[in-house]
Amino acid sequence: GGATNYLESVKDRFTISRDNAKNTMYLQMNSLKPEDTAVYYCYAGGPT
């Protein structure tokens, strides 16, 4: 339905969005910090 939530440490810096026509999801990450270093995975919940 479009509601979002965020890890507290990234709130106000990261923004999740989607473009349904392009079947694409995005994560805009601003003001990045060394502690943001990680492997990032996209996820969708469905039948599996």
All heavy atoms as atom14 arrays in JSON, in Angstrom:
{
  "sequence": "GGATNYLESVKDRFTISRDNAKNTMYLQMNSLKPEDTAVYYCYAGGPT",
  "atom14_mask": [
    [1, 1, 1, 1, 0, 0, 0, 0, 0, 0, 0, 0, 0, 0],
    [1, 1, 1, 1, 0, 0, 0, 0, 0, 0, 0, 0, 0, 0],
    [1, 1, 1, 1, 1, 0, 0, 0, 0, 0, 0, 0, 0, 0],
    [1, 1, 1, 1, 1, 1, 1, 0, 0, 0, 0, 0, 0, 0],
    [1, 1, 1, 1, 1, 1, 1, 1, 0, 0, 0, 0, 0, 0],
    [1, 1, 1, 1, 1, 1, 1, 1, 1, 1, 1, 1, 0, 0],
    [1, 1, 1, 1, 1, 1, 1, 1, 0, 0, 0, 0, 0, 0],
    [1, 1, 1, 1, 1, 1, 1, 1, 1, 0, 0, 0, 0, 0],
    [1, 1, 1, 1, 1, 1, 0, 0, 0, 0, 0, 0, 0, 0],
    [1, 1, 1, 1, 1, 1, 1, 0, 0, 0, 0, 0, 0, 0],
    [1, 1, 1, 1, 1, 1, 1, 1, 1, 0, 0, 0, 0, 0],
    [1, 1, 1, 1, 1, 1, 1, 1, 0, 0, 0, 0, 0, 0],
    [1, 1, 1, 1, 1, 1, 1, 1, 1, 1, 1, 0, 0, 0],
    [1, 1, 1, 1, 1, 1, 1, 1, 1, 1, 1, 0, 0, 0],
    [1, 1, 1, 1, 1, 1, 1, 0, 0, 0, 0, 0, 0, 0],
    [1, 1, 1, 1, 1, 1, 1, 1, 0, 0, 0, 0, 0, 0],
    [1, 1, 1, 1, 1, 1, 0, 0, 0, 0, 0, 0, 0, 0],
    [1, 1, 1, 1, 1, 1, 1, 1, 1, 1, 1, 0, 0, 0],
    [1, 1, 1, 1, 1, 1, 1, 1, 0, 0, 0, 0, 0, 0],
    [1, 1, 1, 1, 1, 1, 1, 1, 0, 0, 0, 0, 0, 0],
    [1, 1, 1, 1, 1, 0, 0, 0, 0, 0, 0, 0, 0, 0],
    [1, 1, 1, 1, 1, 1, 1, 1, 1, 0, 0, 0, 0, 0],
    [1, 1, 1, 1, 1, 1, 1, 1, 0, 0, 0, 0, 0, 0],
    [1, 1, 1, 1, 1, 1, 1, 0, 0, 0, 0, 0, 0, 0],
    [1, 1, 1, 1, 1, 1, 1, 1, 0, 0, 0, 0, 0, 0],
    [1, 1, 1, 1, 1, 1, 1, 1, 1, 1, 1, 1, 0, 0],
    [1, 1, 1, 1, 1, 1, 1, 1, 0, 0, 0, 0, 0, 0],
    [1, 1, 1, 1, 1, 1, 1, 1, 1, 0, 0, 0, 0, 0],
    [1, 1, 1, 1, 1, 1, 1, 1, 0, 0, 0, 0, 0, 0],
    [1, 1, 1, 1, 1, 1, 1, 1, 0, 0, 0, 0, 0, 0],
    [1, 1, 1, 1, 1, 1, 0, 0, 0, 0, 0, 0, 0, 0],
    [1, 1, 1, 1, 1, 1, 1, 1, 0, 0, 0, 0, 0, 0],
    [1, 1, 1, 1, 1, 1, 1, 1, 1, 0, 0, 0, 0, 0],
    [1, 1, 1, 1, 1, 1, 1, 0, 0, 0, 0, 0, 0, 0],
    [1, 1, 1, 1, 1, 1, 1, 1, 1, 0, 0, 0, 0, 0],
    [1, 1, 1, 1, 1, 1, 1, 1, 0, 0, 0, 0, 0, 0],
    [1, 1, 1, 1, 1, 1, 1, 0, 0, 0, 0, 0, 0, 0],
    [1, 1, 1, 1, 1, 0, 0, 0, 0, 0, 0, 0, 0, 0],
    [1, 1, 1, 1, 1, 1, 1, 0, 0, 0, 0, 0, 0, 0],
    [1, 1, 1, 1, 1, 1, 1, 1, 1, 1, 1, 1, 0, 0],
    [1, 1, 1, 1, 1, 1, 1, 1, 1, 1, 1, 1, 0, 0],
    [1, 1, 1, 1, 1, 1, 0, 0, 0, 0, 0, 0, 0, 0],
    [1, 1, 1, 1, 1, 1, 1, 1, 1, 1, 1, 1, 0, 0],
    [1, 1, 1, 1, 1, 0, 0, 0, 0, 0, 0, 0, 0, 0],
    [1, 1, 1, 1, 0, 0, 0, 0, 0, 0, 0, 0, 0, 0],
    [1, 1, 1, 1, 0, 0, 0, 0, 0, 0, 0, 0, 0, 0],
    [1, 1, 1, 1, 1, 1, 1, 0, 0, 0, 0, 0, 0, 0],
    [1, 1, 1, 1, 1, 1, 1, 0, 0, 0, 0, 0, 0, 0]
  ],
  "atom14_positions": [
    [[0.78, -1.22, 0.0], [0.0, 0.0, 0.0], [0.82, 1.28, 0.0], [0.25, 2.36, -0.11], [0.0, 0.0, 0.0], [0.0, 0.0, 0.0], [0.0, 0.0, 0.0], [0.0, 0.0, 0.0], [0.0, 0.0, 0.0], [0.0, 0.0, 0.0], [0.0, 0.0, 0.0], [0.0, 0.0, 0.0], [0.0, 0.0, 0.0], [0.0, 0.0, 0.0]],
    [[2.14, 1.16, 0.14], [3.01, 2.31, 0.09], [3.59, 2.77, 1.41], [4.48, 3.63, 1.42], [0.0, 0.0, 0.0], [0.0, 0.0, 0.0], [0.0, 0.0, 0.0], [0.0, 0.0, 0.0], [0.0, 0.0, 0.0], [0.0, 0.0, 0.0], [0.0, 0.0, 0.0], [0.0, 0.0, 0.0], [0.0, 0.0, 0.0], [0.0, 0.0, 0.0]],
    [[3.12, 2.25, 2.52], [3.68, 2.61, 3.81], [5.13, 2.15, 3.9], [5.51, 1.11, 3.34], [2.87, 2.0, 4.93], [0.0, 0.0, 0.0], [0.0, 0.0, 0.0], [0.0, 0.0, 0.0], [0.0, 0.0, 0.0], [0.0, 0.0, 0.0], [0.0, 0.0, 0.0], [0.0, 0.0, 0.0], [0.0, 0.0, 0.0], [0.0, 0.0, 0.0]],
    [[5.95, 2.91, 4.61], [7.37, 2.6, 4.75], [7.8, 2.64, 6.2], [7.16, 3.28, 7.04], [8.24, 3.6, 3.96], [8.02, 4.92, 4.47], [7.91, 3.56, 2.48], [0.0, 0.0, 0.0], [0.0, 0.0, 0.0], [0.0, 0.0, 0.0], [0.0, 0.0, 0.0], [0.0, 0.0, 0.0], [0.0, 0.0, 0.0], [0.0, 0.0, 0.0]],
    [[8.89, 1.95, 6.49], [9.58, 2.14, 7.74], [11.07, 1.91, 7.53], [11.48, 1.32, 6.53], [9.01, 1.31, 8.9], [9.02, -0.18, 8.65], [9.94, -0.74, 8.06], [7.96, -0.85, 9.12], [0.0, 0.0, 0.0], [0.0, 0.0, 0.0], [0.0, 0.0, 0.0], [0.0, 0.0, 0.0], [0.0, 0.0, 0.0], [0.0, 0.0, 0.0]],
    [[11.87, 2.41, 8.48], [13.32, 2.44, 8.33], [14.01, 2.05, 9.62], [13.51, 2.3, 10.73], [13.79, 3.85, 7.96], [13.3, 4.33, 6.62], [12.09, 5.0, 6.5], [14.05, 4.12, 5.47], [11.63, 5.44, 5.27], [13.61, 4.56, 4.24], [12.4, 5.22, 4.14], [11.95, 5.66, 2.92], [0.0, 0.0, 0.0], [0.0, 0.0, 0.0]],
    [[15.19, 1.48, 9.45], [16.1, 1.32, 10.57], [16.38, 2.7, 11.16], [16.62, 3.67, 10.42], [17.39, 0.67, 10.08], [18.49, 0.37, 11.07], [18.06, -0.73, 12.03], [19.75, -0.03, 10.32], [0.0, 0.0, 0.0], [0.0, 0.0, 0.0], [0.0, 0.0, 0.0], [0.0, 0.0, 0.0], [0.0, 0.0, 0.0], [0.0, 0.0, 0.0]],
    [[16.37, 2.82, 12.46], [16.51, 4.12, 13.1], [17.78, 4.84, 12.67], [17.77, 6.05, 12.45], [16.48, 3.97, 14.63], [16.55, 5.29, 15.38], [15.32, 6.15, 15.18], [14.25, 5.6, 14.86], [15.44, 7.39, 15.34], [0.0, 0.0, 0.0], [0.0, 0.0, 0.0], [0.0, 0.0, 0.0], [0.0, 0.0, 0.0], [0.0, 0.0, 0.0]],
    [[18.86, 4.13, 12.51], [20.14, 4.76, 12.19], [20.21, 5.3, 10.76], [21.12, 6.07, 10.44], [21.29, 3.79, 12.43], [21.2, 2.66, 11.57], [0.0, 0.0, 0.0], [0.0, 0.0, 0.0], [0.0, 0.0, 0.0], [0.0, 0.0, 0.0], [0.0, 0.0, 0.0], [0.0, 0.0, 0.0], [0.0, 0.0, 0.0], [0.0, 0.0, 0.0]],
    [[19.28, 4.93, 9.89], [19.26, 5.44, 8.53], [18.08, 6.36, 8.26], [18.01, 6.96, 7.17], [19.29, 4.31, 7.48], [20.4, 3.33, 7.77], [17.94, 3.6, 7.38], [0.0, 0.0, 0.0], [0.0, 0.0, 0.0], [0.0, 0.0, 0.0], [0.0, 0.0, 0.0], [0.0, 0.0, 0.0], [0.0, 0.0, 0.0], [0.0, 0.0, 0.0]],
    [[17.19, 6.46, 9.19], [16.03, 7.34, 9.04], [16.51, 8.77, 8.74], [17.45, 9.26, 9.34], [15.19, 7.31, 10.31], [13.88, 8.08, 10.22], [13.05, 7.87, 11.48], [13.77, 8.39, 12.72], [12.93, 8.25, 13.95], [0.0, 0.0, 0.0], [0.0, 0.0, 0.0], [0.0, 0.0, 0.0], [0.0, 0.0, 0.0], [0.0, 0.0, 0.0]],
    [[15.88, 9.42, 7.8], [16.18, 10.78, 7.36], [17.39, 10.85, 6.43], [17.7, 11.93, 5.92], [16.38, 11.75, 8.53], [15.17, 11.84, 9.44], [14.03, 11.76, 8.93], [15.36, 11.98, 10.66], [0.0, 0.0, 0.0], [0.0, 0.0, 0.0], [0.0, 0.0, 0.0], [0.0, 0.0, 0.0], [0.0, 0.0, 0.0], [0.0, 0.0, 0.0]],
    [[18.07, 9.73, 6.21], [19.17, 9.69, 5.26], [18.86, 8.81, 4.05], [19.34, 9.09, 2.95], [20.45, 9.19, 5.93], [20.93, 10.08, 7.07], [22.32, 9.66, 7.54], [22.33, 8.31, 8.1], [23.02, 7.28, 7.62], [23.79, 7.43, 6.54], [22.97, 6.09, 8.22], [0.0, 0.0, 0.0], [0.0, 0.0, 0.0], [0.0, 0.0, 0.0]],
    [[18.12, 7.73, 4.27], [17.8, 6.78, 3.21], [16.33, 6.91, 2.84], [15.48, 7.19, 3.7], [18.05, 5.34, 3.66], [19.49, 4.96, 3.87], [20.51, 5.9, 3.87], [19.82, 3.63, 4.06], [21.83, 5.54, 4.06], [21.14, 3.25, 4.26], [22.14, 4.19, 4.26], [0.0, 0.0, 0.0], [0.0, 0.0, 0.0], [0.0, 0.0, 0.0]],
    [[16.02, 6.64, 1.57], [14.65, 6.65, 1.1], [14.4, 5.45, 0.19], [15.12, 5.26, -0.79], [14.31, 7.94, 0.33], [14.57, 9.08, 1.15], [12.85, 7.95, -0.08], [0.0, 0.0, 0.0], [0.0, 0.0, 0.0], [0.0, 0.0, 0.0], [0.0, 0.0, 0.0], [0.0, 0.0, 0.0], [0.0, 0.0, 0.0], [0.0, 0.0, 0.0]],
    [[13.39, 4.67, 0.52], [12.99, 3.55, -0.32], [11.87, 4.01, -1.24], [11.0, 4.79, -0.83], [12.57, 2.33, 0.53], [12.32, 1.11, -0.36], [11.36, 2.65, 1.4], [12.1, -0.18, 0.43], [0.0, 0.0, 0.0], [0.0, 0.0, 0.0], [0.0, 0.0, 0.0], [0.0, 0.0, 0.0], [0.0, 0.0, 0.0], [0.0, 0.0, 0.0]],
    [[11.9, 3.55, -2.48], [10.87, 3.9, -3.43], [10.72, 2.77, -4.45], [11.52, 1.83, -4.47], [11.17, 5.22, -4.13], [12.37, 5.14, -4.88], [0.0, 0.0, 0.0], [0.0, 0.0, 0.0], [0.0, 0.0, 0.0], [0.0, 0.0, 0.0], [0.0, 0.0, 0.0], [0.0, 0.0, 0.0], [0.0, 0.0, 0.0], [0.0, 0.0, 0.0]],
    [[9.7, 2.86, -5.27], [9.49, 1.86, -6.31], [8.89, 2.51, -7.54], [8.23, 3.55, -7.47], [8.58, 0.74, -5.81], [7.13, 1.19, -5.58], [6.32, 0.12, -4.89], [4.93, 0.55, -4.72], [4.1, 0.1, -3.8], [4.52, -0.81, -2.92], [2.86, 0.55, -3.74], [0.0, 0.0, 0.0], [0.0, 0.0, 0.0], [0.0, 0.0, 0.0]],
    [[9.12, 1.87, -8.68], [8.51, 2.24, -9.94], [7.86, 0.98, -10.47], [8.52, 0.11, -11.03], [9.55, 2.79, -10.91], [8.93, 3.31, -12.19], [7.85, 2.84, -12.59], [9.55, 4.21, -12.82], [0.0, 0.0, 0.0], [0.0, 0.0, 0.0], [0.0, 0.0, 0.0], [0.0, 0.0, 0.0], [0.0, 0.0, 0.0], [0.0, 0.0, 0.0]],
    [[6.57, 0.86, -10.27], [5.88, -0.37, -10.64], [5.93, -0.64, -12.15], [6.02, -1.79, -12.56], [4.43, -0.31, -10.18], [4.29, -0.33, -8.67], [5.16, -0.83, -7.96], [3.18, 0.19, -8.18], [0.0, 0.0, 0.0], [0.0, 0.0, 0.0], [0.0, 0.0, 0.0], [0.0, 0.0, 0.0], [0.0, 0.0, 0.0], [0.0, 0.0, 0.0]],
    [[5.89, 0.41, -12.95], [5.93, 0.24, -14.39], [7.25, -0.36, -14.86], [7.3, -1.05, -15.88], [5.68, 1.57, -15.09], [0.0, 0.0, 0.0], [0.0, 0.0, 0.0], [0.0, 0.0, 0.0], [0.0, 0.0, 0.0], [0.0, 0.0, 0.0], [0.0, 0.0, 0.0], [0.0, 0.0, 0.0], [0.0, 0.0, 0.0], [0.0, 0.0, 0.0]],
    [[8.32, -0.1, -14.12], [9.64, -0.62, -14.46], [10.02, -1.86, -13.65], [11.13, -2.37, -13.8], [10.7, 0.46, -14.27], [10.54, 1.65, -15.19], [11.63, 2.68, -14.97], [11.48, 3.86, -15.91], [12.53, 4.88, -15.69], [0.0, 0.0, 0.0], [0.0, 0.0, 0.0], [0.0, 0.0, 0.0], [0.0, 0.0, 0.0], [0.0, 0.0, 0.0]],
    [[9.13, -2.31, -12.79], [9.39, -3.47, -11.93], [10.68, -3.27, -11.13], [11.47, -4.21, -10.97], [9.48, -4.76, -12.74], [8.21, -5.07, -13.5], [7.12, -4.69, -13.08], [8.35, -5.77, -14.62], [0.0, 0.0, 0.0], [0.0, 0.0, 0.0], [0.0, 0.0, 0.0], [0.0, 0.0, 0.0], [0.0, 0.0, 0.0], [0.0, 0.0, 0.0]],
    [[10.88, -2.08, -10.63], [12.15, -1.73, -10.0], [11.92, -1.04, -8.66], [11.02, -0.21, -8.52], [12.98, -0.83, -10.91], [13.23, -1.51, -12.14], [14.32, -0.49, -10.27], [0.0, 0.0, 0.0], [0.0, 0.0, 0.0], [0.0, 0.0, 0.0], [0.0, 0.0, 0.0], [0.0, 0.0, 0.0], [0.0, 0.0, 0.0], [0.0, 0.0, 0.0]],
    [[12.75, -1.41, -7.7], [12.76, -0.82, -6.38], [14.1, -0.11, -6.19], [15.12, -0.57, -6.71], [12.58, -1.91, -5.32], [12.68, -1.45, -3.89], [12.34, -2.8, -2.71], [13.68, -3.94, -3.09], [0.0, 0.0, 0.0], [0.0, 0.0, 0.0], [0.0, 0.0, 0.0], [0.0, 0.0, 0.0], [0.0, 0.0, 0.0], [0.0, 0.0, 0.0]],
    [[14.1, 0.97, -5.42], [15.29, 1.78, -5.23], [15.55, 2.03, -3.75], [14.64, 2.04, -2.93], [15.14, 3.14, -5.92], [14.79, 3.06, -7.37], [13.46, 3.16, -7.8], [15.78, 2.89, -8.33], [13.14, 3.09, -9.14], [15.46, 2.81, -9.67], [14.14, 2.92, -10.07], [13.82, 2.85, -11.41], [0.0, 0.0, 0.0], [0.0, 0.0, 0.0]],
    [[16.8, 2.28, -3.46], [17.18, 2.79, -2.15], [18.14, 3.95, -2.37], [19.29, 3.74, -2.77], [17.84, 1.71, -1.28], [18.17, 2.14, 0.15], [16.89, 2.38, 0.95], [19.05, 1.1, 0.84], [0.0, 0.0, 0.0], [0.0, 0.0, 0.0], [0.0, 0.0, 0.0], [0.0, 0.0, 0.0], [0.0, 0.0, 0.0], [0.0, 0.0, 0.0]],
    [[17.66, 5.16, -2.12], [18.5, 6.34, -2.19], [19.19, 6.51, -0.85], [18.52, 6.59, 0.19], [17.67, 7.58, -2.52], [18.46, 8.87, -2.56], [19.44, 8.92, -3.72], [19.08, 8.58, -4.84], [20.67, 9.32, -3.44], [0.0, 0.0, 0.0], [0.0, 0.0, 0.0], [0.0, 0.0, 0.0], [0.0, 0.0, 0.0], [0.0, 0.0, 0.0]],
    [[20.5, 6.57, -0.86], [21.29, 6.66, 0.37], [22.1, 7.95, 0.33], [22.97, 8.12, -0.52], [22.22, 5.45, 0.51], [21.48, 4.12, 0.49], [22.58, 2.71, 0.79], [23.55, 2.77, -0.72], [0.0, 0.0, 0.0], [0.0, 0.0, 0.0], [0.0, 0.0, 0.0], [0.0, 0.0, 0.0], [0.0, 0.0, 0.0], [0.0, 0.0, 0.0]],
    [[21.81, 8.84, 1.25], [22.5, 10.12, 1.36], [23.26, 10.2, 2.67], [22.99, 9.44, 3.61], [21.51, 11.28, 1.27], [20.76, 11.33, -0.03], [21.3, 11.0, -1.08], [19.5, 11.77, 0.02], [0.0, 0.0, 0.0], [0.0, 0.0, 0.0], [0.0, 0.0, 0.0], [0.0, 0.0, 0.0], [0.0, 0.0, 0.0], [0.0, 0.0, 0.0]],
    [[24.19, 11.13, 2.73], [24.98, 11.35, 3.95], [25.56, 10.05, 4.49], [25.47, 9.74, 5.68], [24.13, 12.05, 5.01], [23.63, 13.29, 4.54], [0.0, 0.0, 0.0], [0.0, 0.0, 0.0], [0.0, 0.0, 0.0], [0.0, 0.0, 0.0], [0.0, 0.0, 0.0], [0.0, 0.0, 0.0], [0.0, 0.0, 0.0], [0.0, 0.0, 0.0]],
    [[26.16, 9.29, 3.61], [26.64, 7.96, 3.98], [27.77, 8.03, 5.0], [28.6, 8.94, 4.98], [27.1, 7.21, 2.74], [25.94, 6.64, 1.91], [26.39, 6.34, 0.5], [25.37, 5.39, 2.58], [0.0, 0.0, 0.0], [0.0, 0.0, 0.0], [0.0, 0.0, 0.0], [0.0, 0.0, 0.0], [0.0, 0.0, 0.0], [0.0, 0.0, 0.0]],
    [[27.77, 7.05, 5.87], [28.74, 6.94, 6.95], [29.5, 5.63, 6.83], [28.99, 4.66, 6.26], [28.03, 6.98, 8.31], [27.17, 8.2, 8.53], [26.39, 8.09, 9.84], [25.52, 9.3, 10.07], [24.75, 9.19, 11.34], [0.0, 0.0, 0.0], [0.0, 0.0, 0.0], [0.0, 0.0, 0.0], [0.0, 0.0, 0.0], [0.0, 0.0, 0.0]],
    [[30.7, 5.55, 7.38], [31.45, 4.29, 7.32], [30.66, 3.11, 7.86], [30.81, 1.99, 7.35], [32.69, 4.58, 8.16], [32.91, 6.04, 7.98], [31.52, 6.64, 7.95], [0.0, 0.0, 0.0], [0.0, 0.0, 0.0], [0.0, 0.0, 0.0], [0.0, 0.0, 0.0], [0.0, 0.0, 0.0], [0.0, 0.0, 0.0], [0.0, 0.0, 0.0]],
    [[29.84, 3.32, 8.87], [29.07, 2.23, 9.44], [27.95, 1.74, 8.52], [27.31, 0.72, 8.82], [28.48, 2.62, 10.81], [27.74, 3.93, 10.82], [28.6, 5.1, 11.28], [29.75, 5.22, 10.85], [28.09, 5.91, 12.1], [0.0, 0.0, 0.0], [0.0, 0.0, 0.0], [0.0, 0.0, 0.0], [0.0, 0.0, 0.0], [0.0, 0.0, 0.0]],
    [[27.72, 2.41, 7.41], [26.79, 1.92, 6.39], [27.43, 0.87, 5.48], [26.73, 0.28, 4.65], [26.25, 3.07, 5.54], [25.43, 4.06, 6.33], [24.61, 3.63, 7.17], [25.59, 5.28, 6.1], [0.0, 0.0, 0.0], [0.0, 0.0, 0.0], [0.0, 0.0, 0.0], [0.0, 0.0, 0.0], [0.0, 0.0, 0.0], [0.0, 0.0, 0.0]],
    [[28.71, 0.67, 5.61], [29.4, -0.32, 4.79], [28.83, -1.71, 5.04], [28.77, -2.17, 6.18], [30.9, -0.3, 5.08], [31.45, 0.96, 4.7], [31.62, -1.41, 4.33], [0.0, 0.0, 0.0], [0.0, 0.0, 0.0], [0.0, 0.0, 0.0], [0.0, 0.0, 0.0], [0.0, 0.0, 0.0], [0.0, 0.0, 0.0], [0.0, 0.0, 0.0]],
    [[28.39, -2.36, 3.97], [27.76, -3.67, 4.09], [27.44, -4.19, 2.7], [27.56, -3.47, 1.71], [26.46, -3.57, 4.91], [0.0, 0.0, 0.0], [0.0, 0.0, 0.0], [0.0, 0.0, 0.0], [0.0, 0.0, 0.0], [0.0, 0.0, 0.0], [0.0, 0.0, 0.0], [0.0, 0.0, 0.0], [0.0, 0.0, 0.0], [0.0, 0.0, 0.0]],
    [[27.02, -5.44, 2.65], [26.39, -5.97, 1.46], [24.89, -5.74, 1.6], [24.3, -6.11, 2.61], [26.69, -7.47, 1.26], [25.94, -8.02, 0.06], [28.19, -7.67, 1.08], [0.0, 0.0, 0.0], [0.0, 0.0, 0.0], [0.0, 0.0, 0.0], [0.0, 0.0, 0.0], [0.0, 0.0, 0.0], [0.0, 0.0, 0.0], [0.0, 0.0, 0.0]],
    [[24.3, -5.15, 0.59], [22.89, -4.82, 0.6], [22.11, -5.78, -0.28], [22.52, -6.08, -1.4], [22.67, -3.38, 0.12], [23.05, -2.35, 1.16], [24.38, -2.13, 1.49], [22.08, -1.6, 1.82], [24.73, -1.2, 2.46], [22.42, -0.67, 2.78], [23.75, -0.46, 3.09], [24.09, 0.46, 4.05], [0.0, 0.0, 0.0], [0.0, 0.0, 0.0]],
    [[20.97, -6.24, 0.23], [20.13, -7.22, -0.45], [18.73, -6.67, -0.61], [18.14, -6.16, 0.34], [20.03, -8.51, 0.36], [21.34, -9.2, 0.63], [22.12, -8.84, 1.72], [21.78, -10.23, -0.19], [23.32, -9.49, 1.99], [22.97, -10.88, 0.07], [23.74, -10.51, 1.16], [24.92, -11.15, 1.42], [0.0, 0.0, 0.0], [0.0, 0.0, 0.0]],
    [[18.17, -6.81, -1.81], [16.75, -6.5, -1.95], [15.93, -7.74, -1.67], [16.39, -8.88, -1.82], [16.43, -5.9, -3.33], [16.79, -6.93, -4.76], [0.0, 0.0, 0.0], [0.0, 0.0, 0.0], [0.0, 0.0, 0.0], [0.0, 0.0, 0.0], [0.0, 0.0, 0.0], [0.0, 0.0, 0.0], [0.0, 0.0, 0.0], [0.0, 0.0, 0.0]],
    [[14.7, -7.52, -1.26], [13.83, -8.57, -0.79], [12.4, -8.27, -1.18], [11.97, -7.12, -1.2], [13.93, -8.66, 0.74], [12.8, -9.41, 1.4], [12.86, -10.79, 1.56], [11.67, -8.74, 1.86], [11.82, -11.48, 2.16], [10.63, -9.43, 2.46], [10.71, -10.8, 2.61], [9.67, -11.48, 3.2], [0.0, 0.0, 0.0], [0.0, 0.0, 0.0]],
    [[11.64, -9.32, -1.47], [10.2, -9.21, -1.61], [9.55, -10.41, -0.96], [10.04, -11.54, -1.08], [9.79, -9.12, -3.07], [0.0, 0.0, 0.0], [0.0, 0.0, 0.0], [0.0, 0.0, 0.0], [0.0, 0.0, 0.0], [0.0, 0.0, 0.0], [0.0, 0.0, 0.0], [0.0, 0.0, 0.0], [0.0, 0.0, 0.0], [0.0, 0.0, 0.0]],
    [[8.46, -10.16, -0.27], [7.7, -11.21, 0.38], [6.49, -11.58, -0.44], [5.71, -10.72, -0.85], [0.0, 0.0, 0.0], [0.0, 0.0, 0.0], [0.0, 0.0, 0.0], [0.0, 0.0, 0.0], [0.0, 0.0, 0.0], [0.0, 0.0, 0.0], [0.0, 0.0, 0.0], [0.0, 0.0, 0.0], [0.0, 0.0, 0.0], [0.0, 0.0, 0.0]],
    [[6.32, -12.85, -0.68], [5.19, -13.35, -1.44], [4.89, -14.78, -1.01], [5.0, -15.11, 0.17], [0.0, 0.0, 0.0], [0.0, 0.0, 0.0], [0.0, 0.0, 0.0], [0.0, 0.0, 0.0], [0.0, 0.0, 0.0], [0.0, 0.0, 0.0], [0.0, 0.0, 0.0], [0.0, 0.0, 0.0], [0.0, 0.0, 0.0], [0.0, 0.0, 0.0]],
    [[4.49, -15.63, -1.96], [4.32, -17.04, -1.61], [5.57, -17.64, -0.98], [5.47, -18.5, -0.1], [4.0, -17.68, -2.96], [3.39, -16.57, -3.76], [4.13, -15.34, -3.35], [0.0, 0.0, 0.0], [0.0, 0.0, 0.0], [0.0, 0.0, 0.0], [0.0, 0.0, 0.0], [0.0, 0.0, 0.0], [0.0, 0.0, 0.0], [0.0, 0.0, 0.0]],
    [[6.73, -17.2, -1.44], [8.01, -17.47, -0.8], [8.78, -16.16, -0.72], [8.38, -15.16, -1.31], [8.83, -18.51, -1.57], [9.17, -18.0, -2.86], [8.06, -19.81, -1.73], [0.0, 0.0, 0.0], [0.0, 0.0, 0.0], [0.0, 0.0, 0.0], [0.0, 0.0, 0.0], [0.0, 0.0, 0.0], [0.0, 0.0, 0.0], [0.0, 0.0, 0.0]]
  ]
}
